[in-house]
Amino acid sequence: MIDFSNNSLTGSLPQCLTNLSTYLSVLKLRMNQLEGTIPQTISLIPRLTTLDLSQNQFEGKLPRSLVNCLDLEILDLSSNQIDDTFPRWLGKLSKLKILILTSNNLKGLVNIPKGDLIFPKLRILDLSNNYFGGLLPANLIMNLRGMKNREDERDGPSYMTRQSFFWRGAPYENTVTVMMKGQKTKLVKILTIFTAIDLSYNFFQGDIPEVFGHLCSLIGLNLSHNHLTNSIPPILGNLTQLEWLDLSSNKLRGGIPRVLGDLTFLGYLNLSKNQLIGPIPQDKQLSTFSSHSFSENPGLCGTPLPKACPGDAQPPPPSSSSTSSRKGHESWFRKKVVLIGYASGIVIGISVAYIAIETGWPKWLARVVRMLERSAAQWMEKPKRRAIKFHGQ
């Protein structure tokens, strides 16, 4: 095993590595400043199982001699400047489980002849951030038998561990970096049941092939930032193990299939920046996502978006007659309250005065009441005398 990752190595890949061909199984030179082409002599390491040359400055074409590394399981050449077409010939490697070619200058169509049995055990396919175009590779997807079932995992999930190598007292673990739930994630341990496809940031167009719905063991699917059109196929509801689905930044039309709500493991969904229309299904798993999952689809409506659907029930606005009736009722109620207050005050006042006169206590209140009585009596007698005098004249 040779692991010189995360250093500042420069120059080209040394030819002397082939001198270790009898024993070398793991070669990791990721995150350096190596440049030039990957030499054809790499095939002189026949026992190679892991080749990680990612995050360097390699250019040119992929060495066709890699097809002779029959034990190769992991090939990570991401973040380089490799200028080539899709390496269909790598599909002859029957043990290849991880193929990561993201962020290169790969271009052209991903054409696979129908009936061509290739990539039988591939579990992680990452072709993102390249220049691939044309239709999505339905024939390639159809061949990914390692994502359709788990017949070779009958004893339960395990890790891709090199039991014959030890690092700091523990078995050596393979690691890769993948886009997982919208974020770059380093898998320190790779589960053999981990399956993902990332074809984002390319120029694929046309429909989403229904063959994706046959990958029953698929955990992650990212087709974002392409030019995909037409509707989301309801057959994606068959992907019962799916944990993240990203179809954002395309030109997808139609409604959101309600069957996506049946994906109970789905924890990340991004359908934003498309041309989807209609109400967002409110039941099951789809009701758990935020507005970001559905934003920038002018035709979508309903919760969690602020735009209500036309058929949603709204409380009727109050009519003018009901408004005036309500105002009249409020005015009558206020008057009634005032009258009740006046009446209560009069009754209480008379009661207090009566008690004060009868008991003579408190004395000052009794005196005031008697004075008011005398004044009232005198005031009542004056008009009567004046009236008599007036008639007497």
Protein backbone atom coordinates (compact mmCIF):
# COMPACT_ATOMS: atom_id res chain seq x y z
CA MET A 1 0.00 0.00 0.00
CA ILE A 2 1.23 3.51 -0.88
CA ASP A 3 -0.67 6.52 0.43
CA PHE A 4 0.98 9.90 -0.22
CA SER A 5 -2.30 11.87 -0.09
CA ASN A 6 -2.56 15.48 1.09
CA ASN A 7 0.99 16.57 0.37
CA SER A 8 2.66 18.98 -2.05
CA LEU A 9 4.14 16.46 -4.46
CA THR A 10 4.91 17.83 -7.92
CA GLY A 11 6.02 16.43 -11.24
CA SER A 12 4.66 13.43 -13.11
CA LEU A 13 3.70 9.99 -11.93
CA PRO A 14 6.99 8.14 -11.41
CA GLN A 15 7.60 5.13 -13.61
CA CYS A 16 9.32 3.33 -10.77
CA LEU A 17 5.95 2.54 -9.18
CA THR A 18 5.68 -0.35 -11.59
CA ASN A 19 8.66 -1.97 -9.86
CA LEU A 20 6.27 -2.76 -7.00
CA SER A 21 3.84 -4.53 -9.29
CA THR A 22 4.14 -7.85 -7.48
CA TYR A 23 2.79 -6.51 -4.19
CA LEU A 24 1.13 -3.10 -4.70
CA SER A 25 -2.63 -3.19 -4.16
CA VAL A 26 -3.55 0.34 -2.99
CA LEU A 27 -2.13 3.50 -4.61
CA LYS A 28 -3.41 6.82 -3.28
CA LEU A 29 -1.85 10.12 -4.41
CA ARG A 30 -4.86 12.39 -4.01
CA MET A 31 -4.57 16.12 -3.20
CA ASN A 32 -1.14 16.82 -4.62
CA GLN A 33 0.16 18.84 -7.55
CA LEU A 34 1.05 16.00 -9.89
CA GLU A 35 0.68 16.68 -13.59
CA GLY A 36 1.19 15.17 -17.01
CA THR A 37 -0.59 12.10 -18.30
CA ILE A 38 -1.37 8.89 -16.46
CA PRO A 39 1.14 6.44 -17.99
CA GLN A 40 0.06 3.29 -19.78
CA THR A 41 2.46 1.37 -17.60
CA ILE A 42 -0.04 1.61 -14.76
CA SER A 43 -1.38 -1.71 -16.03
CA LEU A 44 1.85 -3.36 -14.94
CA ILE A 45 0.41 -3.35 -11.42
CA PRO A 46 -1.99 -6.28 -11.94
CA ARG A 47 -3.04 -6.66 -8.29
CA LEU A 48 -4.16 -3.05 -8.01
CA THR A 49 -7.53 -2.81 -6.25
CA THR A 50 -7.63 0.91 -5.38
CA LEU A 51 -6.33 3.74 -7.57
CA ASP A 52 -6.97 7.27 -6.28
CA LEU A 53 -5.29 10.09 -8.23
CA SER A 54 -7.98 12.68 -7.51
CA GLN A 55 -7.39 16.43 -6.99
CA ASN A 56 -4.25 16.71 -9.06
CA GLN A 57 -3.51 18.21 -12.46
CA PHE A 58 -3.41 15.14 -14.68
CA GLU A 59 -4.43 15.75 -18.27
CA GLY A 60 -4.72 13.93 -21.55
CA LYS A 61 -6.66 10.72 -22.08
CA LEU A 62 -7.37 7.87 -19.72
CA PRO A 63 -4.88 5.02 -20.14
CA ARG A 64 -6.66 2.17 -21.93
CA SER A 65 -4.29 -0.23 -20.23
CA LEU A 66 -6.37 0.09 -17.03
CA VAL A 67 -8.61 -2.57 -18.50
CA ASN A 68 -5.89 -5.07 -17.62
CA CYS A 69 -6.17 -4.34 -13.88
CA LEU A 70 -8.72 -7.07 -13.38
CA ASP A 71 -8.84 -6.71 -9.57
CA LEU A 72 -9.60 -2.97 -9.63
CA GLU A 73 -12.51 -2.09 -7.31
CA ILE A 74 -12.12 1.66 -6.76
CA LEU A 75 -11.09 4.19 -9.42
CA ASP A 76 -11.16 7.85 -8.40
CA LEU A 77 -9.74 10.32 -10.93
CA SER A 78 -11.92 13.28 -9.95
CA SER A 79 -10.84 16.95 -10.08
CA ASN A 80 -8.20 16.69 -12.77
CA GLN A 81 -8.00 17.93 -16.35
CA ILE A 82 -8.55 14.67 -18.18
CA ASP A 83 -9.83 15.32 -21.70
CA ASP A 84 -11.58 12.23 -23.06
CA THR A 85 -14.92 10.55 -23.73
CA PHE A 86 -16.82 8.18 -21.48
CA PRO A 87 -14.60 5.12 -20.76
CA ARG A 88 -17.08 2.43 -21.70
CA TRP A 89 -14.24 -0.08 -21.85
CA LEU A 90 -13.87 0.12 -18.05
CA GLY A 91 -17.15 -1.79 -17.87
CA LYS A 92 -15.23 -4.99 -18.56
CA LEU A 93 -13.73 -4.79 -15.07
CA SER A 94 -16.07 -7.21 -13.36
CA LYS A 95 -14.96 -6.21 -9.82
CA LEU A 96 -15.21 -2.42 -10.26
CA LYS A 97 -17.54 -1.01 -7.58
CA ILE A 98 -16.72 2.71 -7.50
CA LEU A 99 -16.09 4.95 -10.53
CA ILE A 100 -15.63 8.65 -9.79
CA LEU A 101 -14.71 10.92 -12.73
CA THR A 102 -16.28 14.17 -11.57
CA SER A 103 -14.81 17.59 -12.45
CA ASN A 104 -12.80 16.80 -15.56
CA ASN A 105 -13.12 17.69 -19.24
CA LEU A 106 -14.97 14.55 -20.29
CA LYS A 107 -17.43 15.12 -23.12
CA GLY A 108 -19.62 13.54 -25.77
CA LEU A 109 -22.40 11.01 -25.53
CA VAL A 110 -22.58 8.21 -22.98
CA ASN A 111 -23.65 5.58 -25.49
CA ILE A 112 -23.80 1.95 -24.43
CA PRO A 113 -24.93 -0.66 -26.98
CA LYS A 114 -28.09 -2.45 -25.97
CA GLY A 115 -27.35 -5.86 -24.53
CA ASP A 116 -23.76 -4.96 -23.67
CA LEU A 117 -23.24 -6.46 -20.18
CA ILE A 118 -20.84 -4.11 -18.43
CA PHE A 119 -20.29 -2.66 -14.93
CA PRO A 120 -22.01 -5.60 -13.21
CA LYS A 121 -20.97 -4.63 -9.66
CA LEU A 122 -20.80 -0.84 -9.89
CA ARG A 123 -22.27 0.82 -6.76
CA ILE A 124 -21.13 4.43 -7.03
CA LEU A 125 -21.13 6.22 -10.39
CA ASP A 126 -20.14 9.90 -10.38
CA LEU A 127 -19.82 11.66 -13.75
CA SER A 128 -20.84 15.09 -12.49
CA ASN A 129 -19.39 18.43 -13.56
CA ASN A 130 -18.25 17.40 -17.04
CA TYR A 131 -19.46 18.10 -20.57
CA PHE A 132 -21.51 15.00 -21.35
CA GLY A 133 -24.54 15.60 -23.54
CA GLY A 134 -27.38 13.86 -25.35
CA LEU A 135 -29.92 11.64 -23.67
CA LEU A 136 -29.39 10.10 -20.27
CA PRO A 137 -27.68 6.70 -20.72
CA ALA A 138 -30.62 4.32 -20.29
CA ASN A 139 -28.63 1.30 -21.48
CA LEU A 140 -25.88 2.03 -18.98
CA ILE A 141 -28.39 2.35 -16.13
CA MET A 142 -30.00 -0.90 -17.19
CA ASN A 143 -26.67 -2.72 -16.72
CA LEU A 144 -26.09 -1.61 -13.13
CA ARG A 145 -27.10 -4.89 -11.55
CA GLY A 146 -25.24 -4.03 -8.34
CA MET A 147 -27.84 -1.30 -7.73
CA LYS A 148 -30.84 -3.50 -8.48
CA ASN A 149 -30.45 -6.10 -5.76
CA ARG A 150 -28.24 -7.17 -2.88
CA GLU A 151 -27.89 -10.85 -3.54
CA ASP A 152 -24.22 -10.76 -2.55
CA GLU A 153 -25.07 -9.11 0.81
CA ARG A 154 -27.05 -11.94 2.34
CA ASP A 155 -24.87 -11.86 5.46
CA GLY A 156 -25.72 -8.20 6.07
CA PRO A 157 -23.93 -4.96 5.17
CA SER A 158 -20.18 -4.65 5.56
CA TYR A 159 -17.40 -2.18 4.80
CA MET A 160 -14.97 -2.17 1.90
CA THR A 161 -12.06 -2.94 4.19
CA ARG A 162 -8.63 -4.28 3.33
CA GLN A 163 -8.27 -6.85 6.06
CA SER A 164 -4.68 -7.64 5.02
CA PHE A 165 -3.54 -4.02 5.61
CA PHE A 166 -3.36 -2.25 8.93
CA TRP A 167 -3.11 1.47 9.62
CA ARG A 168 -2.46 2.59 13.20
CA GLY A 169 -3.46 -0.80 14.51
CA ALA A 170 -6.75 -1.05 12.57
CA PRO A 171 -7.64 -2.50 9.16
CA TYR A 172 -7.15 -0.05 6.31
CA GLU A 173 -10.38 1.62 5.14
CA ASN A 174 -11.04 2.93 1.65
CA THR A 175 -12.39 6.50 1.49
CA VAL A 176 -14.13 8.53 -1.22
CA THR A 177 -15.81 11.93 -1.41
CA VAL A 178 -19.33 12.14 -2.86
CA MET A 179 -22.08 14.75 -3.12
CA MET A 180 -24.56 13.58 -0.52
CA LYS A 181 -27.80 15.42 0.31
CA GLY A 182 -26.55 18.63 -1.30
CA GLN A 183 -23.16 18.65 0.41
CA LYS A 184 -19.77 17.14 -0.30
CA THR A 185 -19.27 14.32 2.15
CA LYS A 186 -16.19 12.22 2.77
CA LEU A 187 -17.05 8.59 3.35
CA VAL A 188 -14.37 7.41 5.75
CA LYS A 189 -15.86 3.93 5.63
CA ILE A 190 -17.70 2.76 2.51
CA LEU A 191 -20.59 0.43 3.12
CA THR A 192 -20.88 -2.24 0.46
CA ILE A 193 -24.61 -1.48 0.25
CA PHE A 194 -24.02 2.24 -0.41
CA THR A 195 -25.26 2.99 -3.94
CA ALA A 196 -25.44 6.39 -5.64
CA ILE A 197 -25.57 7.96 -9.10
CA ASP A 198 -24.50 11.55 -9.75
CA LEU A 199 -24.86 12.90 -13.30
CA SER A 200 -25.33 16.55 -12.31
CA TYR A 201 -23.78 19.61 -13.97
CA ASN A 202 -23.69 18.22 -17.48
CA PHE A 203 -25.68 18.83 -20.65
CA PHE A 204 -28.00 15.83 -20.64
CA GLN A 205 -31.41 16.45 -22.16
CA GLY A 206 -34.71 14.73 -22.85
CA ASP A 207 -36.69 12.49 -20.51
CA ILE A 208 -35.67 10.81 -17.27
CA PRO A 209 -35.61 7.14 -18.36
CA GLU A 210 -37.93 4.84 -16.50
CA VAL A 211 -35.08 2.34 -16.05
CA PHE A 212 -34.01 4.40 -13.03
CA GLY A 213 -37.06 2.96 -11.29
CA HIS A 214 -35.55 -0.54 -11.48
CA LEU A 215 -32.55 0.36 -9.28
CA CYS A 216 -34.32 -0.80 -6.13
CA SER A 217 -31.19 -0.54 -3.95
CA LEU A 218 -30.35 3.03 -4.99
CA ILE A 219 -29.77 5.39 -2.04
CA GLY A 220 -28.89 8.65 -3.80
CA LEU A 221 -29.79 10.11 -7.21
CA ASN A 222 -28.61 13.51 -8.47
CA LEU A 223 -29.61 14.64 -11.97
CA SER A 224 -29.58 18.37 -11.24
CA HIS A 225 -28.25 21.17 -13.47
CA ASN A 226 -28.94 19.58 -16.84
CA HIS A 227 -31.53 20.23 -19.56
CA LEU A 228 -34.01 17.48 -18.73
CA THR A 229 -37.59 17.99 -19.92
CA ASN A 230 -41.04 16.40 -19.63
CA SER A 231 -42.41 15.04 -16.38
CA ILE A 232 -40.98 13.25 -13.35
CA PRO A 233 -41.64 9.54 -13.96
CA PRO A 234 -43.88 8.06 -11.23
CA ILE A 235 -41.80 4.88 -11.38
CA LEU A 236 -39.24 6.66 -9.18
CA GLY A 237 -41.64 5.75 -6.38
CA ASN A 238 -40.22 2.21 -6.63
CA LEU A 239 -36.88 3.40 -5.19
CA THR A 240 -37.87 2.48 -1.65
CA GLN A 241 -34.29 2.84 -0.30
CA LEU A 242 -33.78 6.35 -1.68
CA GLU A 243 -32.47 8.88 0.85
CA TRP A 244 -31.84 11.87 -1.40
CA LEU A 245 -33.21 12.99 -4.75
CA ASP A 246 -32.03 16.12 -6.57
CA LEU A 247 -33.71 17.05 -9.87
CA SER A 248 -33.23 20.81 -9.51
CA SER A 249 -32.23 23.28 -12.24
CA ASN A 250 -33.75 21.45 -15.20
CA LYS A 251 -36.81 22.07 -17.38
CA LEU A 252 -39.11 19.44 -15.92
CA ARG A 253 -42.84 19.97 -16.45
CA GLY A 254 -46.08 18.55 -15.12
CA GLY A 255 -47.04 17.81 -11.56
CA ILE A 256 -45.18 16.21 -8.67
CA PRO A 257 -46.00 12.47 -8.51
CA ARG A 258 -47.80 11.69 -5.28
CA VAL A 259 -45.96 8.33 -5.09
CA LEU A 260 -42.79 10.19 -4.06
CA GLY A 261 -44.48 10.62 -0.69
CA ASP A 262 -44.22 6.85 -0.18
CA LEU A 263 -40.40 7.03 -0.02
CA THR A 264 -40.14 6.78 3.76
CA PHE A 265 -36.32 7.09 3.84
CA LEU A 266 -36.24 10.22 1.69
CA GLY A 267 -34.55 12.89 3.82
CA TYR A 268 -33.44 15.34 1.11
CA LEU A 269 -35.50 16.49 -1.88
CA ASN A 270 -34.74 19.30 -4.31
CA LEU A 271 -37.13 19.98 -7.18
CA SER A 272 -36.44 23.71 -7.37
CA LYS A 273 -35.82 25.75 -10.54
CA ASN A 274 -37.99 23.74 -12.92
CA GLN A 275 -41.31 24.30 -14.66
CA LEU A 276 -43.47 22.08 -12.45
CA ILE A 277 -47.13 22.98 -12.02
CA GLY A 278 -50.09 22.17 -9.81
CA PRO A 279 -50.55 21.61 -6.08
CA ILE A 280 -47.79 20.10 -3.94
CA PRO A 281 -49.03 16.78 -2.49
CA GLN A 282 -49.59 17.32 1.23
CA ASP A 283 -49.61 13.76 2.50
CA LYS A 284 -46.87 11.46 3.79
CA GLN A 285 -43.17 12.27 3.24
CA LEU A 286 -43.64 15.20 0.84
CA SER A 287 -45.25 17.27 3.60
CA THR A 288 -42.01 17.27 5.62
CA PHE A 289 -39.89 19.36 3.23
CA SER A 290 -39.36 23.12 3.31
CA SER A 291 -40.24 25.62 0.60
CA HIS A 292 -36.65 25.46 -0.70
CA SER A 293 -37.38 22.00 -2.11
CA PHE A 294 -40.06 23.45 -4.43
CA SER A 295 -38.98 27.07 -4.99
CA GLU A 296 -38.72 28.80 -8.39
CA ASN A 297 -41.44 26.70 -10.00
CA PRO A 298 -43.92 29.46 -10.98
CA GLY A 299 -46.74 26.96 -11.56
CA LEU A 300 -46.51 25.18 -8.19
CA CYS A 301 -48.83 26.14 -5.34
CA GLY A 302 -49.81 25.07 -1.85
CA THR A 303 -47.97 24.47 1.39
CA PRO A 304 -45.06 25.07 2.06
CA LEU A 305 -45.02 27.72 -0.70
CA PRO A 306 -46.70 31.08 0.05
CA LYS A 307 -48.77 30.79 -3.15
CA ALA A 308 -52.20 29.27 -2.45
CA CYS A 309 -53.84 26.96 -4.98
CA PRO A 310 -57.03 28.20 -6.73
CA GLY A 311 -59.10 25.37 -5.25
CA ASP A 312 -58.09 26.01 -1.66
CA ALA A 313 -61.06 26.97 0.60
CA GLN A 314 -60.92 30.60 1.75
CA PRO A 315 -63.23 32.31 4.29
CA PRO A 316 -65.83 34.47 2.39
CA PRO A 317 -65.35 38.24 2.75
CA PRO A 318 -68.01 39.98 4.90
CA SER A 319 -70.81 41.56 2.87
CA SER A 320 -71.82 45.25 3.23
CA SER A 321 -75.22 44.35 4.72
CA SER A 322 -73.68 42.06 7.34
CA THR A 323 -71.11 44.73 8.14
CA SER A 324 -73.75 47.43 8.72
CA SER A 325 -75.87 44.98 10.72
CA ARG A 326 -72.88 44.14 12.89
CA LYS A 327 -72.12 47.85 13.43
CA GLY A 328 -75.76 48.53 14.37
CA HIS A 329 -75.73 45.66 16.82
CA GLU A 330 -72.53 46.96 18.40
CA SER A 331 -74.03 50.49 18.73
CA TRP A 332 -77.23 49.14 20.36
CA PHE A 333 -75.12 47.02 22.71
CA ARG A 334 -73.07 50.05 23.81
CA LYS A 335 -76.25 52.06 24.48
CA LYS A 336 -77.69 49.19 26.48
CA VAL A 337 -74.57 49.04 28.62
CA VAL A 338 -74.75 52.80 29.31
CA LEU A 339 -78.44 52.61 30.31
CA ILE A 340 -77.78 49.70 32.60
CA GLY A 341 -74.99 51.70 34.22
CA TYR A 342 -77.24 54.72 34.76
CA ALA A 343 -80.04 52.63 36.24
CA SER A 344 -77.64 50.81 38.53
CA GLY A 345 -76.22 54.13 39.73
CA ILE A 346 -79.68 55.54 40.51
CA VAL A 347 -80.76 52.44 42.43
CA ILE A 348 -77.54 52.37 44.43
CA GLY A 349 -77.78 56.10 45.16
CA ILE A 350 -81.40 55.87 46.38
CA SER A 351 -80.53 52.85 48.51
CA VAL A 352 -77.59 54.62 50.12
CA ALA A 353 -79.69 57.71 50.81
CA TYR A 354 -82.52 55.66 52.34
CA ILE A 355 -80.14 53.82 54.61
CA ALA A 356 -78.48 57.06 55.66
CA ILE A 357 -81.84 58.69 56.59
CA GLU A 358 -83.17 55.71 58.45
CA THR A 359 -80.03 54.96 60.41
CA GLY A 360 -78.64 58.45 60.69
CA TRP A 361 -75.21 57.11 59.92
CA PRO A 362 -72.92 58.43 58.73
CA LYS A 363 -74.12 61.73 60.18
CA TRP A 364 -72.54 63.94 57.55
CA LEU A 365 -74.23 61.99 54.76
CA ALA A 366 -77.60 62.19 56.59
CA ARG A 367 -77.22 65.95 56.99
CA VAL A 368 -76.42 66.35 53.29
CA VAL A 369 -79.45 64.30 52.27
CA ARG A 370 -81.80 66.30 54.56
CA MET A 371 -80.44 69.61 53.24
CA LEU A 372 -81.06 68.38 49.67
CA GLU A 373 -84.62 67.41 50.63
CA ARG A 374 -85.38 70.86 52.10
CA SER A 375 -83.88 72.61 49.08
CA ALA A 376 -85.94 70.48 46.74
CA ALA A 377 -89.13 71.14 48.70
CA GLN A 378 -88.55 74.93 48.70
CA TRP A 379 -87.83 74.84 44.97
CA MET A 380 -91.08 73.00 44.33
CA GLU A 381 -93.15 75.51 46.41
CA LYS A 382 -91.85 78.71 44.72
CA PRO A 383 -93.42 78.19 41.30
CA LYS A 384 -96.72 77.32 42.98
CA ARG A 385 -96.92 80.66 44.90
CA ARG A 386 -95.94 82.62 41.84
CA ALA A 387 -98.66 80.95 39.88
CA ILE A 388 -101.30 81.88 42.48
CA LYS A 389 -100.19 85.48 42.54
CA PHE A 390 -100.20 85.63 38.77
CA HIS A 391 -103.80 84.45 38.56
CA GLY A 392 -104.85 86.69 41.40
CA GLN A 393 -103.87 89.78 39.38
